[in-house]
Structure formats: structure tokens, C-alpha cells
Amino acid sequence: QVQLVESGGGLVQAGGSLRLSCAASGRPFSNNIMGWHRQAPGQQREMVARITSRGSTDYADSVKGRFTISRDNAKNAVYLQMNSLKPGDTGVYYCYLNSPLTWGQGTQVTVSS
């Protein structure tokens, strides 16, 4: 059974940076996609960024140029470097793996103005 463990959330002022990490235990399938979604209070969960095993990336328009997703296949880990954070980035960030479909428990990111 695969499990995802996230770390790195917290409270930061607008303009600051945070780095989220997510490590998968167990045996994820090869050729998978890992990524991050987020959910703000009262909002639906939305895709933030995702990366394939080969390194192809995709970002939500709202974070392009500010966030960078990367991964370490040897560690089954994915990272999200978040720069120039805005109050609108506040929410719970969830790591996910598509194969098998698995979600992390979520980590809170709060950006103060």
C-alpha cells in the first residue's frame, strides 16, 4: 500500500517563500504523475502543479513563474518551491500520486498580507 507524507507548510508573509516536500512509501507504479492540489476555505480543490516520471511539468496559470515543481524518482519524492507568495495562495496543499491514486493528508500554507 502506498502512502504519501507531506511536510513544509507554515505561515509566511506575502512575498515570502516556502518549500513543500512529499515522500511516497511503498511501491508506486512506474511512469506515474505526482503533484500538488490545494483547497482554500470554501473553495473547491484545484490543481497547482504536476510532474511526470520523465520530468514534464504542468502548472495552474495562477502560479506560473512563481512555483516550481521537481521530483526525485530514486526517493519517490516530489517538491514544490513556492516563491513570491500571495494571500490568495493560502490553503491546504495536498500531494498526490496518480498510480495508484493516493492522496497525502494535507499541509496548511498561510500567507499573511
N, C-alpha and C. Protein backbone atom coordinates (compact mmCIF):
# COMPACT_ATOMS: atom_id res chain seq x y z
N GLN A 1 0.85 -1.19 0.00
CA GLN A 1 0.00 0.00 0.00
C GLN A 1 0.89 1.24 0.00
N VAL A 2 0.58 2.19 -0.85
CA VAL A 2 1.37 3.42 -0.96
C VAL A 2 0.78 4.48 -0.04
N GLN A 3 1.65 5.19 0.65
CA GLN A 3 1.25 6.32 1.47
C GLN A 3 2.11 7.53 1.12
N LEU A 4 1.53 8.71 1.24
CA LEU A 4 2.23 9.96 0.96
C LEU A 4 2.32 10.77 2.24
N VAL A 5 3.51 11.27 2.54
CA VAL A 5 3.72 12.08 3.73
C VAL A 5 4.27 13.43 3.30
N GLU A 6 3.56 14.50 3.67
CA GLU A 6 3.94 15.85 3.28
C GLU A 6 4.60 16.58 4.45
N SER A 7 5.39 17.58 4.10
CA SER A 7 5.98 18.46 5.10
C SER A 7 6.30 19.79 4.45
N GLY A 8 6.50 20.81 5.29
CA GLY A 8 6.98 22.09 4.78
C GLY A 8 5.99 23.22 4.78
N GLY A 9 4.76 23.00 5.17
CA GLY A 9 3.80 24.09 5.22
C GLY A 9 4.11 25.03 6.38
N GLY A 10 3.34 26.12 6.45
CA GLY A 10 3.54 27.06 7.55
C GLY A 10 2.95 28.40 7.25
N LEU A 11 3.34 29.37 8.06
CA LEU A 11 2.87 30.75 7.94
C LEU A 11 4.00 31.60 7.40
N VAL A 12 3.69 32.40 6.38
CA VAL A 12 4.71 33.25 5.77
C VAL A 12 4.05 34.56 5.35
N GLN A 13 4.82 35.62 5.32
CA GLN A 13 4.31 36.91 4.85
C GLN A 13 4.28 36.95 3.33
N ALA A 14 3.41 37.77 2.81
CA ALA A 14 3.33 37.93 1.36
C ALA A 14 4.70 38.31 0.80
N GLY A 15 5.04 37.69 -0.31
CA GLY A 15 6.35 37.89 -0.91
C GLY A 15 7.39 36.88 -0.48
N GLY A 16 7.07 36.11 0.54
CA GLY A 16 7.99 35.12 1.05
C GLY A 16 7.96 33.82 0.27
N SER A 17 8.71 32.84 0.78
CA SER A 17 8.85 31.55 0.10
C SER A 17 8.64 30.40 1.08
N LEU A 18 8.18 29.29 0.54
CA LEU A 18 8.07 28.03 1.26
C LEU A 18 8.39 26.90 0.32
N ARG A 19 8.86 25.80 0.86
CA ARG A 19 9.14 24.60 0.06
C ARG A 19 8.39 23.43 0.69
N LEU A 20 7.52 22.83 -0.10
CA LEU A 20 6.79 21.65 0.33
C LEU A 20 7.49 20.39 -0.18
N SER A 21 7.45 19.36 0.66
CA SER A 21 8.02 18.08 0.28
C SER A 21 6.98 16.98 0.48
N CYS A 22 7.08 15.95 -0.33
CA CYS A 22 6.16 14.82 -0.23
C CYS A 22 6.93 13.56 -0.61
N ALA A 23 6.88 12.58 0.27
CA ALA A 23 7.57 11.32 0.02
C ALA A 23 6.57 10.18 0.01
N ALA A 24 6.73 9.30 -0.97
CA ALA A 24 5.84 8.14 -1.09
C ALA A 24 6.53 6.90 -0.53
N SER A 25 5.82 6.21 0.34
CA SER A 25 6.31 4.93 0.84
C SER A 25 5.59 3.81 0.10
N GLY A 26 6.12 2.62 0.14
CA GLY A 26 5.53 1.53 -0.61
C GLY A 26 6.10 1.47 -2.02
N ARG A 27 5.32 0.98 -2.96
CA ARG A 27 5.79 0.78 -4.32
C ARG A 27 4.88 1.47 -5.33
N PRO A 28 5.12 2.77 -5.58
CA PRO A 28 4.35 3.42 -6.64
C PRO A 28 4.63 2.75 -7.98
N PHE A 29 3.64 2.75 -8.86
CA PHE A 29 3.86 2.22 -10.18
C PHE A 29 4.83 3.11 -10.94
N SER A 30 5.54 2.55 -11.87
CA SER A 30 6.44 3.35 -12.69
C SER A 30 5.63 4.21 -13.64
N ASN A 31 6.30 5.18 -14.28
CA ASN A 31 5.64 6.09 -15.22
C ASN A 31 4.41 6.75 -14.60
N ASN A 32 4.57 7.28 -13.41
CA ASN A 32 3.45 7.90 -12.74
C ASN A 32 3.53 9.43 -12.80
N ILE A 33 2.51 10.05 -12.29
CA ILE A 33 2.46 11.50 -12.15
C ILE A 33 2.30 11.83 -10.68
N MET A 34 3.10 12.74 -10.21
CA MET A 34 2.96 13.25 -8.84
C MET A 34 2.72 14.75 -8.92
N GLY A 35 2.03 15.26 -7.92
CA GLY A 35 1.75 16.69 -7.98
C GLY A 35 1.11 17.21 -6.71
N TRP A 36 0.64 18.43 -6.82
CA TRP A 36 0.03 19.13 -5.70
C TRP A 36 -1.30 19.76 -6.11
N HIS A 37 -2.26 19.60 -5.25
CA HIS A 37 -3.51 20.34 -5.34
C HIS A 37 -3.61 21.22 -4.10
N ARG A 38 -4.48 22.17 -4.12
CA ARG A 38 -4.73 22.96 -2.92
C ARG A 38 -6.22 23.26 -2.80
N GLN A 39 -6.62 23.52 -1.56
CA GLN A 39 -8.02 23.85 -1.30
C GLN A 39 -8.08 25.00 -0.31
N ALA A 40 -8.63 26.12 -0.76
CA ALA A 40 -8.83 27.27 0.10
C ALA A 40 -10.17 27.14 0.81
N PRO A 41 -10.35 27.81 1.94
CA PRO A 41 -11.62 27.73 2.67
C PRO A 41 -12.80 28.10 1.77
N GLY A 42 -13.80 27.23 1.73
CA GLY A 42 -14.99 27.49 0.94
C GLY A 42 -14.81 27.31 -0.55
N GLN A 43 -13.65 26.83 -0.97
CA GLN A 43 -13.37 26.66 -2.39
C GLN A 43 -13.19 25.18 -2.73
N GLN A 44 -13.30 24.88 -4.02
CA GLN A 44 -13.04 23.52 -4.47
C GLN A 44 -11.54 23.28 -4.56
N ARG A 45 -11.16 22.02 -4.44
CA ARG A 45 -9.75 21.67 -4.59
C ARG A 45 -9.34 21.91 -6.04
N GLU A 46 -8.16 22.49 -6.23
CA GLU A 46 -7.68 22.80 -7.58
C GLU A 46 -6.25 22.31 -7.77
N MET A 47 -5.92 21.98 -9.01
CA MET A 47 -4.57 21.54 -9.33
C MET A 47 -3.63 22.73 -9.27
N VAL A 48 -2.49 22.54 -8.67
CA VAL A 48 -1.47 23.58 -8.60
C VAL A 48 -0.33 23.27 -9.58
N ALA A 49 0.22 22.07 -9.48
CA ALA A 49 1.32 21.67 -10.35
C ALA A 49 1.42 20.17 -10.36
N ARG A 50 1.95 19.62 -11.45
CA ARG A 50 2.15 18.18 -11.54
C ARG A 50 3.37 17.91 -12.40
N ILE A 51 3.96 16.72 -12.20
CA ILE A 51 5.18 16.36 -12.91
C ILE A 51 5.16 14.88 -13.19
N THR A 52 5.53 14.51 -14.41
CA THR A 52 5.58 13.10 -14.77
C THR A 52 6.91 12.49 -14.34
N SER A 53 7.00 11.18 -14.45
CA SER A 53 8.24 10.49 -14.11
C SER A 53 9.39 10.97 -14.98
N ARG A 54 9.08 11.42 -16.19
CA ARG A 54 10.11 11.88 -17.11
C ARG A 54 10.44 13.36 -16.94
N GLY A 55 9.71 14.03 -16.04
CA GLY A 55 10.04 15.41 -15.75
C GLY A 55 9.20 16.46 -16.46
N SER A 56 8.20 16.05 -17.21
CA SER A 56 7.31 17.03 -17.83
C SER A 56 6.42 17.66 -16.77
N THR A 57 6.28 18.97 -16.85
CA THR A 57 5.54 19.69 -15.81
C THR A 57 4.34 20.43 -16.38
N ASP A 58 3.42 20.74 -15.47
CA ASP A 58 2.22 21.48 -15.82
C ASP A 58 1.84 22.30 -14.59
N TYR A 59 1.46 23.56 -14.81
CA TYR A 59 1.14 24.46 -13.70
C TYR A 59 -0.21 25.14 -13.91
N ALA A 60 -0.86 25.47 -12.82
CA ALA A 60 -2.02 26.33 -12.90
C ALA A 60 -1.54 27.72 -13.31
N ASP A 61 -2.36 28.43 -14.08
CA ASP A 61 -1.97 29.76 -14.56
C ASP A 61 -1.64 30.69 -13.40
N SER A 62 -2.32 30.53 -12.28
CA SER A 62 -2.15 31.44 -11.15
C SER A 62 -0.79 31.32 -10.47
N VAL A 63 -0.06 30.23 -10.73
CA VAL A 63 1.23 30.04 -10.05
C VAL A 63 2.40 30.02 -11.01
N LYS A 64 2.14 30.09 -12.30
CA LYS A 64 3.24 30.05 -13.28
C LYS A 64 4.21 31.20 -13.03
N GLY A 65 5.49 30.87 -13.06
CA GLY A 65 6.53 31.88 -12.84
C GLY A 65 6.87 32.09 -11.38
N ARG A 66 6.05 31.54 -10.48
CA ARG A 66 6.31 31.70 -9.05
C ARG A 66 6.60 30.36 -8.36
N PHE A 67 5.95 29.30 -8.81
CA PHE A 67 6.12 27.98 -8.21
C PHE A 67 6.92 27.08 -9.14
N THR A 68 7.71 26.18 -8.56
CA THR A 68 8.47 25.21 -9.34
C THR A 68 8.31 23.84 -8.71
N ILE A 69 7.88 22.89 -9.52
CA ILE A 69 7.74 21.52 -9.04
C ILE A 69 8.93 20.70 -9.53
N SER A 70 9.40 19.80 -8.69
CA SER A 70 10.50 18.91 -9.06
C SER A 70 10.28 17.57 -8.36
N ARG A 71 11.06 16.59 -8.77
CA ARG A 71 10.91 15.27 -8.15
C ARG A 71 12.23 14.53 -8.14
N ASP A 72 12.32 13.58 -7.24
CA ASP A 72 13.47 12.69 -7.14
C ASP A 72 12.91 11.27 -7.26
N ASN A 73 13.06 10.67 -8.42
CA ASN A 73 12.46 9.35 -8.65
C ASN A 73 13.09 8.28 -7.75
N ALA A 74 14.36 8.43 -7.44
CA ALA A 74 15.02 7.44 -6.59
C ALA A 74 14.42 7.43 -5.19
N LYS A 75 13.92 8.57 -4.75
CA LYS A 75 13.32 8.68 -3.42
C LYS A 75 11.80 8.66 -3.47
N ASN A 76 11.22 8.55 -4.65
CA ASN A 76 9.76 8.64 -4.79
C ASN A 76 9.24 9.89 -4.10
N ALA A 77 9.90 11.00 -4.36
CA ALA A 77 9.56 12.26 -3.68
C ALA A 77 9.28 13.36 -4.69
N VAL A 78 8.42 14.27 -4.29
CA VAL A 78 8.10 15.43 -5.11
C VAL A 78 8.18 16.67 -4.23
N TYR A 79 8.58 17.78 -4.84
CA TYR A 79 8.79 19.02 -4.10
C TYR A 79 8.08 20.16 -4.80
N LEU A 80 7.68 21.16 -4.03
CA LEU A 80 7.07 22.35 -4.60
C LEU A 80 7.74 23.57 -3.97
N GLN A 81 8.54 24.27 -4.75
CA GLN A 81 9.16 25.51 -4.31
C GLN A 81 8.20 26.65 -4.64
N MET A 82 7.78 27.37 -3.62
CA MET A 82 6.80 28.44 -3.79
C MET A 82 7.45 29.77 -3.44
N ASN A 83 7.59 30.63 -4.43
CA ASN A 83 8.18 31.96 -4.24
C ASN A 83 7.13 33.04 -4.50
N SER A 84 7.44 34.23 -4.04
CA SER A 84 6.55 35.39 -4.24
C SER A 84 5.11 35.04 -3.83
N LEU A 85 4.98 34.46 -2.67
CA LEU A 85 3.68 34.00 -2.21
C LEU A 85 2.72 35.17 -1.99
N LYS A 86 1.44 34.89 -2.27
CA LYS A 86 0.38 35.88 -2.13
C LYS A 86 -0.67 35.35 -1.15
N PRO A 87 -1.44 36.24 -0.55
CA PRO A 87 -2.52 35.77 0.34
C PRO A 87 -3.46 34.78 -0.35
N GLY A 88 -3.65 34.95 -1.65
CA GLY A 88 -4.51 34.03 -2.41
C GLY A 88 -3.96 32.62 -2.53
N ASP A 89 -2.70 32.42 -2.14
CA ASP A 89 -2.12 31.08 -2.16
C ASP A 89 -2.45 30.30 -0.88
N THR A 90 -3.10 30.94 0.06
CA THR A 90 -3.45 30.30 1.31
C THR A 90 -4.39 29.12 1.09
N GLY A 91 -4.12 28.03 1.79
CA GLY A 91 -4.98 26.86 1.69
C GLY A 91 -4.27 25.62 2.20
N VAL A 92 -4.97 24.50 2.12
CA VAL A 92 -4.36 23.22 2.45
C VAL A 92 -3.83 22.61 1.16
N TYR A 93 -2.57 22.26 1.17
CA TYR A 93 -1.91 21.70 -0.01
C TYR A 93 -1.82 20.18 0.14
N TYR A 94 -2.30 19.49 -0.88
CA TYR A 94 -2.34 18.03 -0.87
C TYR A 94 -1.42 17.48 -1.96
N CYS A 95 -0.56 16.59 -1.56
CA CYS A 95 0.27 15.86 -2.50
C CYS A 95 -0.55 14.71 -3.08
N TYR A 96 -0.31 14.37 -4.32
CA TYR A 96 -1.00 13.21 -4.87
C TYR A 96 -0.10 12.44 -5.83
N LEU A 97 -0.47 11.19 -5.99
CA LEU A 97 0.18 10.26 -6.91
C LEU A 97 -0.95 9.60 -7.70
N ASN A 98 -0.75 9.51 -9.02
CA ASN A 98 -1.87 9.02 -9.84
C ASN A 98 -1.92 7.51 -9.97
N SER A 99 -0.82 6.82 -9.69
CA SER A 99 -0.79 5.40 -9.98
C SER A 99 0.03 4.64 -8.94
N PRO A 100 -0.63 4.03 -7.94
CA PRO A 100 -2.07 4.03 -7.69
C PRO A 100 -2.52 5.38 -7.15
N LEU A 101 -3.80 5.73 -7.35
CA LEU A 101 -4.29 7.03 -6.90
C LEU A 101 -4.20 7.12 -5.38
N THR A 102 -3.42 8.09 -4.92
CA THR A 102 -3.15 8.23 -3.49
C THR A 102 -3.05 9.72 -3.16
N TRP A 103 -3.61 10.11 -2.02
CA TRP A 103 -3.54 11.49 -1.56
C TRP A 103 -2.81 11.55 -0.22
N GLY A 104 -2.08 12.63 -0.02
CA GLY A 104 -1.49 12.89 1.28
C GLY A 104 -2.53 13.48 2.23
N GLN A 105 -2.11 13.70 3.46
CA GLN A 105 -3.04 14.18 4.48
C GLN A 105 -3.25 15.69 4.41
N GLY A 106 -2.39 16.38 3.69
CA GLY A 106 -2.52 17.83 3.53
C GLY A 106 -1.63 18.58 4.49
N THR A 107 -1.13 19.72 4.03
CA THR A 107 -0.33 20.59 4.87
C THR A 107 -0.81 22.03 4.66
N GLN A 108 -0.95 22.76 5.75
CA GLN A 108 -1.51 24.11 5.70
C GLN A 108 -0.45 25.12 5.29
N VAL A 109 -0.81 25.95 4.32
CA VAL A 109 0.01 27.09 3.93
C VAL A 109 -0.83 28.36 4.15
N THR A 110 -0.29 29.28 4.93
CA THR A 110 -0.99 30.52 5.21
C THR A 110 -0.08 31.68 4.85
N VAL A 111 -0.57 32.57 3.99
CA VAL A 111 0.21 33.72 3.56
C VAL A 111 -0.50 34.97 4.08
N SER A 112 0.19 35.71 4.93
CA SER A 112 -0.40 36.92 5.51
C SER A 112 -0.04 38.14 4.68
N SER A 113 -0.94 39.10 4.68
CA SER A 113 -0.71 40.32 3.89
C SER A 113 0.04 41.37 4.69
